[in-house]
């Protein structure tokens, strides 16, 4: 009888994880870097992905790439998407000025007259007035990169995209079999930039308002116990905001983190009851939470940098993401499947 080939060390030690990807505009390039580094490591197998806003875009491209051609394909498609962003950004009036680069934080456009004008006008006029045709440059690139019928039929990677129902205020979760470009655009629909997409008679805004990202879809719908959260929005900042823009940005960050923090408290509560023997682990899933973030770097970025598509800035975020993912793998790979590497009480309470 012919012997089976020996398994490689990577194959023998491979572990499954679920990914939960936050949104945050151009800051999603940090997630691109994290994903690129995780895809380099053959010990990591991805079972489910949940994403919101920019996280939904990264999640969709990642899932399709893995389905269509594996790790290398996923890396290629993610790179093409962010290079498209940069190329498109060269035509945008939103560019860092000389003074931004000299005095501002990384990626800031606070000194840009175009940014300042947009910041004022976006609070006076809606996209139904200044963008009546609802032009969205991302629709074409999504259709170019993703074969949606293939994504819809796939079961090897579970994909969950989240959006906020404008009228009911409830979170809507779209799954593989129903995902089209419109669902992804709905998840990333900032209401001061784009009109609310209509899907089956319902209207949706950015999923971050109600779940950035929600964790329950991968807990309920996959067998994997481990959830790795790629966190873009900082929980802690270094000083009290004093400018109008800084105050607005902090309000936005707090609102986009609030649902995640509440869900982490619930997960911590259930996990503690399981560990005390007060809940039956056969009926309640014991979930291990891991996080990758760059809070020190992200807390220094301004709201304007979320619209900065300059490749130098995107590459900075990308390389930061790769570095942080490498640190996670070096320090916490052994924790996967065994325990949470994140102290939920310390981080989220």
C-alpha atoms as a PDB file:
ATOM      1  CA  UNK A   1       0.000   0.000   0.000  1.00  0.00           C
ATOM      2  CA  UNK A   2       1.372   3.387  -1.028  1.00  0.00           C
ATOM      3  CA  UNK A   3       2.246   5.603   1.936  1.00  0.00           C
ATOM      4  CA  UNK A   4       0.725   9.043   2.156  1.00  0.00           C
ATOM      5  CA  UNK A   5       3.224  11.911   1.855  1.00  0.00           C
ATOM      6  CA  UNK A   6       4.339  13.307   5.181  1.00  0.00           C
ATOM      7  CA  UNK A   7       2.590  16.459   6.275  1.00  0.00           C
ATOM      8  CA  UNK A   8       4.653  19.612   6.464  1.00  0.00           C
ATOM      9  CA  UNK A   9       5.157  21.314   9.812  1.00  0.00           C
ATOM     10  CA  UNK A  10       2.886  24.162   8.697  1.00  0.00           C
ATOM     11  CA  UNK A  11       0.125  21.735   7.714  1.00  0.00           C
ATOM     12  CA  UNK A  12       0.482  19.723  10.921  1.00  0.00           C
ATOM     13  CA  UNK A  13       0.193  22.797  13.126  1.00  0.00           C
ATOM     14  CA  UNK A  14      -2.421  24.685  11.080  1.00  0.00           C
ATOM     15  CA  UNK A  15      -5.137  26.331  13.136  1.00  0.00           C
ATOM     16  CA  UNK A  16      -8.485  27.811  12.164  1.00  0.00           C
ATOM     17  CA  UNK A  17      -9.538  31.337  13.024  1.00  0.00           C
ATOM     18  CA  UNK A  18     -12.408  33.685  12.299  1.00  0.00           C
ATOM     19  CA  UNK A  19     -11.681  37.291  11.377  1.00  0.00           C
ATOM     20  CA  UNK A  20     -13.650  40.385  12.426  1.00  0.00           C
ATOM     21  CA  UNK A  21     -12.643  43.487  10.460  1.00  0.00           C
ATOM     22  CA  UNK A  22     -13.440  47.038  11.534  1.00  0.00           C
ATOM     23  CA  UNK A  23     -14.146  49.926   9.200  1.00  0.00           C
ATOM     24  CA  UNK A  24     -12.368  53.255   9.059  1.00  0.00           C
ATOM     25  CA  UNK A  25     -12.000  54.611   5.530  1.00  0.00           C
ATOM     26  CA  UNK A  26      -8.422  54.789   4.259  1.00  0.00           C
ATOM     27  CA  UNK A  27      -7.277  53.429   7.620  1.00  0.00           C
ATOM     28  CA  UNK A  28      -8.496  50.095   6.260  1.00  0.00           C
ATOM     29  CA  UNK A  29      -5.053  49.875   4.633  1.00  0.00           C
ATOM     30  CA  UNK A  30      -3.850  48.836   8.101  1.00  0.00           C
ATOM     31  CA  UNK A  31      -6.150  45.808   7.821  1.00  0.00           C
ATOM     32  CA  UNK A  32      -4.758  45.145   4.337  1.00  0.00           C
ATOM     33  CA  UNK A  33      -1.304  44.828   5.909  1.00  0.00           C
ATOM     34  CA  UNK A  34      -2.580  42.545   8.687  1.00  0.00           C
ATOM     35  CA  UNK A  35      -4.298  40.257   6.177  1.00  0.00           C
ATOM     36  CA  UNK A  36      -1.266  40.190   3.903  1.00  0.00           C
ATOM     37  CA  UNK A  37       0.924  38.991   6.787  1.00  0.00           C
ATOM     38  CA  UNK A  38      -1.606  36.400   7.971  1.00  0.00           C
ATOM     39  CA  UNK A  39      -1.851  35.023   4.429  1.00  0.00           C
ATOM     40  CA  UNK A  40       1.932  34.559   4.414  1.00  0.00           C
ATOM     41  CA  UNK A  41       1.596  32.096   7.299  1.00  0.00           C
ATOM     42  CA  UNK A  42       0.349  28.694   6.137  1.00  0.00           C
ATOM     43  CA  UNK A  43      -0.392  27.706   9.731  1.00  0.00           C
ATOM     44  CA  UNK A  44      -3.426  30.035   9.657  1.00  0.00           C
ATOM     45  CA  UNK A  45      -6.643  28.848   8.019  1.00  0.00           C
ATOM     46  CA  UNK A  46      -9.566  31.259   7.842  1.00  0.00           C
ATOM     47  CA  UNK A  47     -13.026  29.778   8.373  1.00  0.00           C
ATOM     48  CA  UNK A  48     -15.249  32.851   8.629  1.00  0.00           C
ATOM     49  CA  UNK A  49     -14.935  36.601   8.076  1.00  0.00           C
ATOM     50  CA  UNK A  50     -17.230  39.374   9.263  1.00  0.00           C
ATOM     51  CA  UNK A  51     -16.622  42.945   8.132  1.00  0.00           C
ATOM     52  CA  UNK A  52     -18.095  46.412   8.297  1.00  0.00           C
ATOM     53  CA  UNK A  53     -17.490  49.395   5.979  1.00  0.00           C
ATOM     54  CA  UNK A  54     -13.842  49.308   4.822  1.00  0.00           C
ATOM     55  CA  UNK A  55     -13.675  46.022   6.724  1.00  0.00           C
ATOM     56  CA  UNK A  56     -16.502  44.693   4.538  1.00  0.00           C
ATOM     57  CA  UNK A  57     -14.536  45.581   1.398  1.00  0.00           C
ATOM     58  CA  UNK A  58     -11.378  43.901   2.695  1.00  0.00           C
ATOM     59  CA  UNK A  59     -13.419  40.898   3.881  1.00  0.00           C
ATOM     60  CA  UNK A  60     -15.168  40.414   0.537  1.00  0.00           C
ATOM     61  CA  UNK A  61     -11.978  40.626  -1.505  1.00  0.00           C
ATOM     62  CA  UNK A  62     -10.163  38.323   0.931  1.00  0.00           C
ATOM     63  CA  UNK A  63     -12.955  35.731   0.900  1.00  0.00           C
ATOM     64  CA  UNK A  64     -13.237  35.698  -2.889  1.00  0.00           C
ATOM     65  CA  UNK A  65      -9.466  35.527  -3.325  1.00  0.00           C
ATOM     66  CA  UNK A  66      -9.207  32.516  -1.005  1.00  0.00           C
ATOM     67  CA  UNK A  67     -12.095  30.813  -2.814  1.00  0.00           C
ATOM     68  CA  UNK A  68     -10.866  31.566  -6.336  1.00  0.00           C
ATOM     69  CA  UNK A  69      -7.137  31.003  -6.021  1.00  0.00           C
ATOM     70  CA  UNK A  70      -5.927  30.679  -2.455  1.00  0.00           C
ATOM     71  CA  UNK A  71      -3.603  32.850  -0.412  1.00  0.00           C
ATOM     72  CA  UNK A  72      -1.575  34.342  -3.260  1.00  0.00           C
ATOM     73  CA  UNK A  73      -4.728  35.268  -5.177  1.00  0.00           C
ATOM     74  CA  UNK A  74      -6.195  36.954  -2.110  1.00  0.00           C
ATOM     75  CA  UNK A  75      -3.006  38.968  -1.582  1.00  0.00           C
ATOM     76  CA  UNK A  76      -2.979  40.015  -5.233  1.00  0.00           C
ATOM     77  CA  UNK A  77      -6.602  41.196  -5.221  1.00  0.00           C
ATOM     78  CA  UNK A  78      -6.189  43.153  -1.990  1.00  0.00           C
ATOM     79  CA  UNK A  79      -3.094  44.840  -3.400  1.00  0.00           C
ATOM     80  CA  UNK A  80      -4.927  45.725  -6.623  1.00  0.00           C
ATOM     81  CA  UNK A  81      -7.828  47.237  -4.690  1.00  0.00           C
ATOM     82  CA  UNK A  82      -5.636  49.501  -2.586  1.00  0.00           C
ATOM     83  CA  UNK A  83      -3.503  50.463  -5.588  1.00  0.00           C
ATOM     84  CA  UNK A  84      -6.735  51.424  -7.349  1.00  0.00           C
ATOM     85  CA  UNK A  85      -7.614  53.585  -4.356  1.00  0.00           C
ATOM     86  CA  UNK A  86      -4.280  55.340  -4.562  1.00  0.00           C
ATOM     87  CA  UNK A  87      -4.501  55.856  -8.317  1.00  0.00           C
ATOM     88  CA  UNK A  88      -8.017  57.230  -7.953  1.00  0.00           C
ATOM     89  CA  UNK A  89      -6.864  59.435  -5.098  1.00  0.00           C
ATOM     90  CA  UNK A  90      -4.347  61.199  -7.346  1.00  0.00           C
ATOM     91  CA  UNK A  91      -7.290  62.766  -9.184  1.00  0.00           C
ATOM     92  CA  UNK A  92      -8.921  63.880  -5.944  1.00  0.00           C
ATOM     93  CA  UNK A  93      -8.621  67.455  -4.670  1.00  0.00           C
ATOM     94  CA  UNK A  94      -8.136  66.002  -1.180  1.00  0.00           C
ATOM     95  CA  UNK A  95      -4.353  65.996  -0.900  1.00  0.00           C
ATOM     96  CA  UNK A  96      -2.002  66.717   1.997  1.00  0.00           C
ATOM     97  CA  UNK A  97      -0.450  70.156   1.636  1.00  0.00           C
ATOM     98  CA  UNK A  98       3.134  71.172   2.344  1.00  0.00           C
ATOM     99  CA  UNK A  99       2.013  72.448   5.752  1.00  0.00           C
ATOM    100  CA  UNK A 100       0.247  69.167   6.552  1.00  0.00           C
ATOM    101  CA  UNK A 101       3.468  67.282   5.930  1.00  0.00           C
ATOM    102  CA  UNK A 102       5.492  69.831   7.886  1.00  0.00           C
ATOM    103  CA  UNK A 103       3.242  70.422  10.903  1.00  0.00           C
ATOM    104  CA  UNK A 104       0.418  67.880  10.785  1.00  0.00           C
ATOM    105  CA  UNK A 105       0.184  64.311  12.022  1.00  0.00           C
ATOM    106  CA  UNK A 106       0.788  61.375   9.670  1.00  0.00           C
ATOM    107  CA  UNK A 107      -1.654  61.476   6.758  1.00  0.00           C
ATOM    108  CA  UNK A 108      -3.365  64.658   7.935  1.00  0.00           C
ATOM    109  CA  UNK A 109      -5.068  67.003   5.478  1.00  0.00           C
ATOM    110  CA  UNK A 110      -6.221  69.555   8.047  1.00  0.00           C
ATOM    111  CA  UNK A 111      -4.454  72.411   6.227  1.00  0.00           C
ATOM    112  CA  UNK A 112      -5.953  71.529   2.854  1.00  0.00           C
ATOM    113  CA  UNK A 113      -8.425  74.225   1.720  1.00  0.00           C
ATOM    114  CA  UNK A 114     -10.318  71.556  -0.225  1.00  0.00           C
ATOM    115  CA  UNK A 115     -10.696  69.419   2.899  1.00  0.00           C
ATOM    116  CA  UNK A 116     -11.798  72.399   4.976  1.00  0.00           C
ATOM    117  CA  UNK A 117     -14.349  73.405   2.325  1.00  0.00           C
ATOM    118  CA  UNK A 118     -15.707  69.864   2.084  1.00  0.00           C
ATOM    119  CA  UNK A 119     -15.877  69.567   5.863  1.00  0.00           C
ATOM    120  CA  UNK A 120     -18.113  72.647   6.031  1.00  0.00           C
ATOM    121  CA  UNK A 121     -20.248  71.924   2.961  1.00  0.00           C
ATOM    122  CA  UNK A 122     -20.887  68.293   3.928  1.00  0.00           C
ATOM    123  CA  UNK A 123     -22.685  69.582   7.024  1.00  0.00           C
ATOM    124  CA  UNK A 124     -24.798  71.955   4.935  1.00  0.00           C
ATOM    125  CA  UNK A 125     -25.623  69.852   1.858  1.00  0.00           C
ATOM    126  CA  UNK A 126     -26.442  66.182   1.537  1.00  0.00           C
ATOM    127  CA  UNK A 127     -25.255  63.744  -1.170  1.00  0.00           C
ATOM    128  CA  UNK A 128     -28.800  63.856  -2.552  1.00  0.00           C
ATOM    129  CA  UNK A 129     -28.019  67.475  -3.480  1.00  0.00           C
ATOM    130  CA  UNK A 130     -24.358  67.470  -4.526  1.00  0.00           C
ATOM    131  CA  UNK A 131     -24.238  63.868  -5.821  1.00  0.00           C
ATOM    132  CA  UNK A 132     -27.722  63.375  -7.336  1.00  0.00           C
ATOM    133  CA  UNK A 133     -26.567  60.541  -9.633  1.00  0.00           C
ATOM    134  CA  UNK A 134     -25.107  58.687  -6.642  1.00  0.00           C
ATOM    135  CA  UNK A 135     -21.727  58.198  -8.315  1.00  0.00           C
ATOM    136  CA  UNK A 136     -19.554  55.706  -6.447  1.00  0.00           C
ATOM    137  CA  UNK A 137     -16.156  54.806  -7.909  1.00  0.00           C
ATOM    138  CA  UNK A 138     -15.920  51.618  -5.854  1.00  0.00           C
ATOM    139  CA  UNK A 139     -18.773  49.829  -7.655  1.00  0.00           C
ATOM    140  CA  UNK A 140     -16.743  49.198 -10.816  1.00  0.00           C
ATOM    141  CA  UNK A 141     -13.595  48.012  -9.052  1.00  0.00           C
ATOM    142  CA  UNK A 142     -15.569  45.561  -6.896  1.00  0.00           C
ATOM    143  CA  UNK A 143     -17.184  44.087 -10.004  1.00  0.00           C
ATOM    144  CA  UNK A 144     -13.769  43.865 -11.666  1.00  0.00           C
ATOM    145  CA  UNK A 145     -12.064  42.110  -8.740  1.00  0.00           C
ATOM    146  CA  UNK A 146     -14.845  39.795  -7.520  1.00  0.00           C
ATOM    147  CA  UNK A 147     -16.853  37.216  -9.460  1.00  0.00           C
ATOM    148  CA  UNK A 148     -19.955  37.506  -7.298  1.00  0.00           C
ATOM    149  CA  UNK A 149     -21.748  34.340  -8.538  1.00  0.00           C
ATOM    150  CA  UNK A 150     -18.657  32.346  -7.480  1.00  0.00           C
ATOM    151  CA  UNK A 151     -18.616  34.081  -4.083  1.00  0.00           C
ATOM    152  CA  UNK A 152     -22.326  33.410  -3.601  1.00  0.00           C
ATOM    153  CA  UNK A 153     -21.993  29.671  -4.296  1.00  0.00           C
ATOM    154  CA  UNK A 154     -18.927  29.139  -2.097  1.00  0.00           C
ATOM    155  CA  UNK A 155     -19.010  27.460   1.305  1.00  0.00           C
ATOM    156  CA  UNK A 156     -15.303  27.071   2.075  1.00  0.00           C
ATOM    157  CA  UNK A 157     -15.095  30.575   3.581  1.00  0.00           C
ATOM    158  CA  UNK A 158     -18.128  32.027   5.362  1.00  0.00           C
ATOM    159  CA  UNK A 159     -18.552  35.755   4.683  1.00  0.00           C
ATOM    160  CA  UNK A 160     -20.750  38.179   6.614  1.00  0.00           C
ATOM    161  CA  UNK A 161     -21.236  41.823   5.606  1.00  0.00           C
ATOM    162  CA  UNK A 162     -22.989  44.238   7.971  1.00  0.00           C
ATOM    163  CA  UNK A 163     -25.051  47.361   7.302  1.00  0.00           C
ATOM    164  CA  UNK A 164     -27.372  49.580   9.339  1.00  0.00           C
ATOM    165  CA  UNK A 165     -31.058  49.797   8.397  1.00  0.00           C
ATOM    166  CA  UNK A 166     -31.762  53.540   8.214  1.00  0.00           C
ATOM    167  CA  UNK A 167     -35.455  53.321   9.142  1.00  0.00           C
ATOM    168  CA  UNK A 168     -35.418  50.636  11.849  1.00  0.00           C
ATOM    169  CA  UNK A 169     -31.946  51.225  13.291  1.00  0.00           C
ATOM    170  CA  UNK A 170     -31.322  47.475  13.217  1.00  0.00           C
ATOM    171  CA  UNK A 171     -28.200  45.693  12.067  1.00  0.00           C
ATOM    172  CA  UNK A 172     -28.524  43.717   8.842  1.00  0.00           C
ATOM    173  CA  UNK A 173     -26.119  40.850   8.159  1.00  0.00           C
ATOM    174  CA  UNK A 174     -25.693  39.701   4.553  1.00  0.00           C
ATOM    175  CA  UNK A 175     -24.172  36.261   3.879  1.00  0.00           C
ATOM    176  CA  UNK A 176     -22.279  34.690   0.961  1.00  0.00           C
ATOM    177  CA  UNK A 177     -25.302  33.575  -1.044  1.00  0.00           C
ATOM    178  CA  UNK A 178     -26.839  37.053  -1.209  1.00  0.00           C
ATOM    179  CA  UNK A 179     -23.824  39.360  -1.407  1.00  0.00           C
ATOM    180  CA  UNK A 180     -23.569  41.703  -4.405  1.00  0.00           C
ATOM    181  CA  UNK A 181     -21.646  44.985  -4.860  1.00  0.00           C
ATOM    182  CA  UNK A 182     -24.686  46.824  -3.495  1.00  0.00           C
ATOM    183  CA  UNK A 183     -24.428  45.043  -0.120  1.00  0.00           C
ATOM    184  CA  UNK A 184     -20.770  45.996   0.214  1.00  0.00           C
ATOM    185  CA  UNK A 185     -21.489  49.615  -0.754  1.00  0.00           C
ATOM    186  CA  UNK A 186     -24.345  49.656   1.765  1.00  0.00           C
ATOM    187  CA  UNK A 187     -21.983  48.500   4.507  1.00  0.00           C
ATOM    188  CA  UNK A 188     -19.582  51.320   3.580  1.00  0.00           C
ATOM    189  CA  UNK A 189     -22.215  54.028   3.022  1.00  0.00           C
ATOM    190  CA  UNK A 190     -21.272  57.098   5.038  1.00  0.00           C
ATOM    191  CA  UNK A 191     -24.476  59.162   4.810  1.00  0.00           C
ATOM    192  CA  UNK A 192     -22.708  62.477   4.295  1.00  0.00           C
ATOM    193  CA  UNK A 193     -20.884  61.039   1.244  1.00  0.00           C
ATOM    194  CA  UNK A 194     -23.345  58.665  -0.439  1.00  0.00           C
ATOM    195  CA  UNK A 195     -27.063  58.120  -0.819  1.00  0.00           C
ATOM    196  CA  UNK A 196     -28.486  55.192   1.139  1.00  0.00           C
ATOM    197  CA  UNK A 197     -28.537  52.098  -1.114  1.00  0.00           C
ATOM    198  CA  UNK A 198     -31.947  50.450  -1.467  1.00  0.00           C
ATOM    199  CA  UNK A 199     -31.985  46.660  -1.065  1.00  0.00           C
ATOM    200  CA  UNK A 200     -35.316  44.797  -1.224  1.00  0.00           C
ATOM    201  CA  UNK A 201     -37.204  47.949  -0.292  1.00  0.00           C
ATOM    202  CA  UNK A 202     -34.972  48.785   2.685  1.00  0.00           C
ATOM    203  CA  UNK A 203     -32.344  51.550   2.932  1.00  0.00           C
ATOM    204  CA  UNK A 204     -28.943  51.148   4.518  1.00  0.00           C
ATOM    205  CA  UNK A 205     -26.101  53.202   5.940  1.00  0.00           C
ATOM    206  CA  UNK A 206     -22.637  52.244   7.150  1.00  0.00           C
ATOM    207  CA  UNK A 207     -22.701  49.129   9.319  1.00  0.00           C
ATOM    208  CA  UNK A 208     -20.355  50.760  11.822  1.00  0.00           C
ATOM    209  CA  UNK A 209     -23.239  52.656  13.424  1.00  0.00           C
ATOM    210  CA  UNK A 210     -24.670  49.406  14.836  1.00  0.00           C
ATOM    211  CA  UNK A 211     -21.770  46.948  14.688  1.00  0.00           C
ATOM    212  CA  UNK A 212     -18.112  47.688  13.971  1.00  0.00           C
ATOM    213  CA  UNK A 213     -17.887  44.800  13.522  1.00  0.00           C
ATOM    214  CA  UNK A 214     -20.462  42.495  15.136  1.00  0.00           C
ATOM    215  CA  UNK A 215     -18.929  39.256  16.380  1.00  0.00           C
ATOM    216  CA  UNK A 216     -22.063  37.118  16.684  1.00  0.00           C
ATOM    217  CA  UNK A 217     -22.259  36.065  12.987  1.00  0.00           C
ATOM    218  CA  UNK A 218     -18.996  34.101  13.198  1.00  0.00           C
ATOM    219  CA  UNK A 219     -19.790  32.774  16.680  1.00  0.00           C
ATOM    220  CA  UNK A 220     -23.181  31.378  15.650  1.00  0.00           C
ATOM    221  CA  UNK A 221     -22.366  30.226  12.117  1.00  0.00           C
ATOM    222  CA  UNK A 222     -18.919  28.616  12.283  1.00  0.00           C
ATOM    223  CA  UNK A 223     -17.374  25.780  14.292  1.00  0.00           C
ATOM    224  CA  UNK A 224     -14.205  27.741  15.053  1.00  0.00           C
ATOM    225  CA  UNK A 225     -13.820  29.034  18.621  1.00  0.00           C
ATOM    226  CA  UNK A 226     -11.250  31.745  17.875  1.00  0.00           C
ATOM    227  CA  UNK A 227     -12.098  35.261  16.692  1.00  0.00           C
ATOM    228  CA  UNK A 228      -9.315  37.643  15.691  1.00  0.00           C
ATOM    229  CA  UNK A 229     -10.495  41.269  15.697  1.00  0.00           C
ATOM    230  CA  UNK A 230      -8.533  43.690  13.520  1.00  0.00           C
ATOM    231  CA  UNK A 231      -9.220  46.962  15.282  1.00  0.00           C
ATOM    232  CA  UNK A 232      -8.727  50.273  13.482  1.00  0.00           C
ATOM    233  CA  UNK A 233     -10.543  52.737  15.747  1.00  0.00           C
ATOM    234  CA  UNK A 234      -8.560  53.495  18.918  1.00  0.00           C
ATOM    235  CA  UNK A 235     -10.295  53.050  22.252  1.00  0.00           C
ATOM    236  CA  UNK A 236      -7.842  55.266  24.147  1.00  0.00           C
ATOM    237  CA  UNK A 237      -6.420  58.642  23.148  1.00  0.00           C
ATOM    238  CA  UNK A 238      -3.645  60.724  24.707  1.00  0.00           C
ATOM    239  CA  UNK A 239      -5.341  64.066  25.325  1.00  0.00           C
ATOM    240  CA  UNK A 240      -8.735  65.752  25.471  1.00  0.00           C
ATOM    241  CA  UNK A 241      -9.813  66.970  21.998  1.00  0.00           C
ATOM    242  CA  UNK A 242     -10.077  70.751  21.816  1.00  0.00           C
ATOM    243  CA  UNK A 243     -10.560  71.633  18.156  1.00  0.00           C
ATOM    244  CA  UNK A 244     -13.954  71.185  16.483  1.00  0.00           C
ATOM    245  CA  UNK A 245     -12.566  68.566  14.093  1.00  0.00           C
ATOM    246  CA  UNK A 246     -10.842  66.631  16.872  1.00  0.00           C
ATOM    247  CA  UNK A 247     -14.036  66.635  18.968  1.00  0.00           C
ATOM    248  CA  UNK A 248     -16.117  65.437  16.015  1.00  0.00           C
ATOM    249  CA  UNK A 249     -13.595  62.700  15.248  1.00  0.00           C
ATOM    250  CA  UNK A 250     -13.588  61.467  18.849  1.00  0.00           C
ATOM    251  CA  UNK A 251     -17.399  61.378  18.916  1.00  0.00           C
ATOM    252  CA  UNK A 252     -17.312  59.343  15.719  1.00  0.00           C
ATOM    253  CA  UNK A 253     -14.713  56.933  17.101  1.00  0.00           C
ATOM    254  CA  UNK A 254     -16.647  56.430  20.343  1.00  0.00           C
ATOM    255  CA  UNK A 255     -19.884  55.694  18.506  1.00  0.00           C
ATOM    256  CA  UNK A 256     -18.168  53.265  16.123  1.00  0.00           C
ATOM    257  CA  UNK A 257     -16.538  51.385  19.028  1.00  0.00           C
ATOM    258  CA  UNK A 258     -19.536  51.306  21.372  1.00  0.00           C
ATOM    259  CA  UNK A 259     -21.282  48.244  19.909  1.00  0.00           C
ATOM    260  CA  UNK A 260     -18.047  46.225  19.875  1.00  0.00           C
ATOM    261  CA  UNK A 261     -17.347  47.090  23.506  1.00  0.00           C
ATOM    262  CA  UNK A 262     -20.849  46.026  24.566  1.00  0.00           C
ATOM    263  CA  UNK A 263     -20.501  42.732  22.708  1.00  0.00           C
ATOM    264  CA  UNK A 264     -17.109  42.083  24.287  1.00  0.00           C
ATOM    265  CA  UNK A 265     -18.661  42.515  27.732  1.00  0.00           C
ATOM    266  CA  UNK A 266     -21.355  39.972  26.869  1.00  0.00           C
ATOM    267  CA  UNK A 267     -18.772  37.493  25.559  1.00  0.00           C
ATOM    268  CA  UNK A 268     -16.669  37.963  28.693  1.00  0.00           C
ATOM    269  CA  UNK A 269     -19.718  37.343  30.898  1.00  0.00           C
ATOM    270  CA  UNK A 270     -20.701  34.120  29.105  1.00  0.00           C
ATOM    271  CA  UNK A 271     -17.088  32.906  29.001  1.00  0.00           C
ATOM    272  CA  UNK A 272     -16.662  33.452  32.735  1.00  0.00           C
ATOM    273  CA  UNK A 273     -19.831  31.440  33.450  1.00  0.00           C
ATOM    274  CA  UNK A 274     -18.586  28.587  31.251  1.00  0.00           C
ATOM    275  CA  UNK A 275     -15.204  28.569  32.997  1.00  0.00           C
ATOM    276  CA  UNK A 276     -16.918  28.520  36.412  1.00  0.00           C
ATOM    277  CA  UNK A 277     -18.995  25.537  35.337  1.00  0.00           C
ATOM    278  CA  UNK A 278     -22.265  27.457  35.582  1.00  0.00           C
ATOM    279  CA  UNK A 279     -23.046  27.040  31.864  1.00  0.00           C
ATOM    280  CA  UNK A 280     -22.849  23.819  29.867  1.00  0.00           C
ATOM    281  CA  UNK A 281     -20.035  24.150  27.246  1.00  0.00           C
ATOM    282  CA  UNK A 282     -21.934  21.651  25.094  1.00  0.00           C
ATOM    283  CA  UNK A 283     -24.728  24.216  24.758  1.00  0.00           C
ATOM    284  CA  UNK A 284     -22.762  27.477  24.941  1.00  0.00           C
ATOM    285  CA  UNK A 285     -19.750  28.162  22.757  1.00  0.00           C
ATOM    286  CA  UNK A 286     -16.518  28.981  24.554  1.00  0.00           C
ATOM    287  CA  UNK A 287     -15.101  31.803  22.414  1.00  0.00           C
ATOM    288  CA  UNK A 288     -11.457  32.861  22.431  1.00  0.00           C
ATOM    289  CA  UNK A 289     -10.866  36.521  21.519  1.00  0.00           C
ATOM    290  CA  UNK A 290      -7.683  37.882  19.986  1.00  0.00           C
ATOM    291  CA  UNK A 291      -6.997  41.414  18.767  1.00  0.00           C
ATOM    292  CA  UNK A 292      -4.543  43.157  16.484  1.00  0.00           C
ATOM    293  CA  UNK A 293      -4.432  46.928  16.709  1.00  0.00           C
ATOM    294  CA  UNK A 294      -2.025  49.838  16.453  1.00  0.00           C
ATOM    295  CA  UNK A 295      -3.636  52.083  19.023  1.00  0.00           C
ATOM    296  CA  UNK A 296      -0.552  54.201  19.616  1.00  0.00           C
ATOM    297  CA  UNK A 297      -0.232  55.025  15.911  1.00  0.00           C
ATOM    298  CA  UNK A 298      -3.952  55.244  15.117  1.00  0.00           C
ATOM    299  CA  UNK A 299      -4.734  57.547  18.028  1.00  0.00           C
ATOM    300  CA  UNK A 300      -2.451  60.167  16.465  1.00  0.00           C
ATOM    301  CA  UNK A 301      -4.273  60.177  13.115  1.00  0.00           C
ATOM    302  CA  UNK A 302      -6.903  62.795  12.304  1.00  0.00           C
ATOM    303  CA  UNK A 303     -10.349  62.380  10.783  1.00  0.00           C
ATOM    304  CA  UNK A 304      -9.113  63.894   7.518  1.00  0.00           C
ATOM    305  CA  UNK A 305      -6.568  61.092   7.124  1.00  0.00           C
ATOM    306  CA  UNK A 306      -9.446  58.624   6.645  1.00  0.00           C
ATOM    307  CA  UNK A 307      -9.890  60.184   3.197  1.00  0.00           C
ATOM    308  CA  UNK A 308      -6.182  60.378   2.380  1.00  0.00           C
ATOM    309  CA  UNK A 309      -5.473  57.913  -0.447  1.00  0.00           C
ATOM    310  CA  UNK A 310      -1.874  58.939  -1.030  1.00  0.00           C
ATOM    311  CA  UNK A 311       0.139  55.734  -1.574  1.00  0.00           C
ATOM    312  CA  UNK A 312       2.879  56.839   0.817  1.00  0.00           C
ATOM    313  CA  UNK A 313       0.304  57.039   3.611  1.00  0.00           C
ATOM    314  CA  UNK A 314      -1.432  53.783   2.589  1.00  0.00           C
ATOM    315  CA  UNK A 315       1.910  51.968   2.530  1.00  0.00           C
ATOM    316  CA  UNK A 316       2.689  53.311   5.998  1.00  0.00           C
ATOM    317  CA  UNK A 317      -0.566  51.815   7.270  1.00  0.00           C
ATOM    318  CA  UNK A 318       0.048  48.596   5.316  1.00  0.00           C
ATOM    319  CA  UNK A 319       3.520  48.117   6.772  1.00  0.00           C
ATOM    320  CA  UNK A 320       2.227  48.929  10.263  1.00  0.00           C
ATOM    321  CA  UNK A 321      -0.441  46.252   9.811  1.00  0.00           C
ATOM    322  CA  UNK A 322       2.102  43.662   8.664  1.00  0.00           C
ATOM    323  CA  UNK A 323       4.328  44.481  11.633  1.00  0.00           C
ATOM    324  CA  UNK A 324       1.495  44.168  14.168  1.00  0.00           C
ATOM    325  CA  UNK A 325       0.272  40.897  12.627  1.00  0.00           C
ATOM    326  CA  UNK A 326       3.810  39.524  12.779  1.00  0.00           C
ATOM    327  CA  UNK A 327       3.993  40.428  16.469  1.00  0.00           C
ATOM    328  CA  UNK A 328       0.671  38.686  17.093  1.00  0.00           C
ATOM    329  CA  UNK A 329       1.828  35.493  15.371  1.00  0.00           C
ATOM    330  CA  UNK A 330       5.139  35.510  17.225  1.00  0.00           C
ATOM    331  CA  UNK A 331       3.604  36.128  20.635  1.00  0.00           C
ATOM    332  CA  UNK A 332       0.171  34.510  20.512  1.00  0.00           C
ATOM    333  CA  UNK A 333       0.002  31.825  17.830  1.00  0.00           C
ATOM    334  CA  UNK A 334       0.141  29.131  20.524  1.00  0.00           C
ATOM    335  CA  UNK A 335      -2.885  30.702  22.240  1.00  0.00           C
ATOM    336  CA  UNK A 336      -5.132  30.008  19.234  1.00  0.00           C
ATOM    337  CA  UNK A 337      -7.472  27.146  20.074  1.00  0.00           C
ATOM    338  CA  UNK A 338      -6.465  27.261  23.738  1.00  0.00           C
ATOM    339  CA  UNK A 339      -7.341  30.617  25.277  1.00  0.00           C
ATOM    340  CA  UNK A 340      -7.992  34.298  24.600  1.00  0.00           C
ATOM    341  CA  UNK A 341      -4.823  36.295  24.082  1.00  0.00           C
ATOM    342  CA  UNK A 342      -6.688  39.537  24.805  1.00  0.00           C
ATOM    343  CA  UNK A 343      -7.684  40.459  28.357  1.00  0.00           C
ATOM    344  CA  UNK A 344     -11.245  41.581  27.604  1.00  0.00           C
ATOM    345  CA  UNK A 345     -11.782  43.259  30.956  1.00  0.00           C
ATOM    346  CA  UNK A 346      -8.595  45.304  30.685  1.00  0.00           C
ATOM    347  CA  UNK A 347      -9.133  46.308  27.065  1.00  0.00           C
ATOM    348  CA  UNK A 348     -12.881  46.852  26.784  1.00  0.00           C
ATOM    349  CA  UNK A 349     -14.252  47.514  30.300  1.00  0.00           C
END
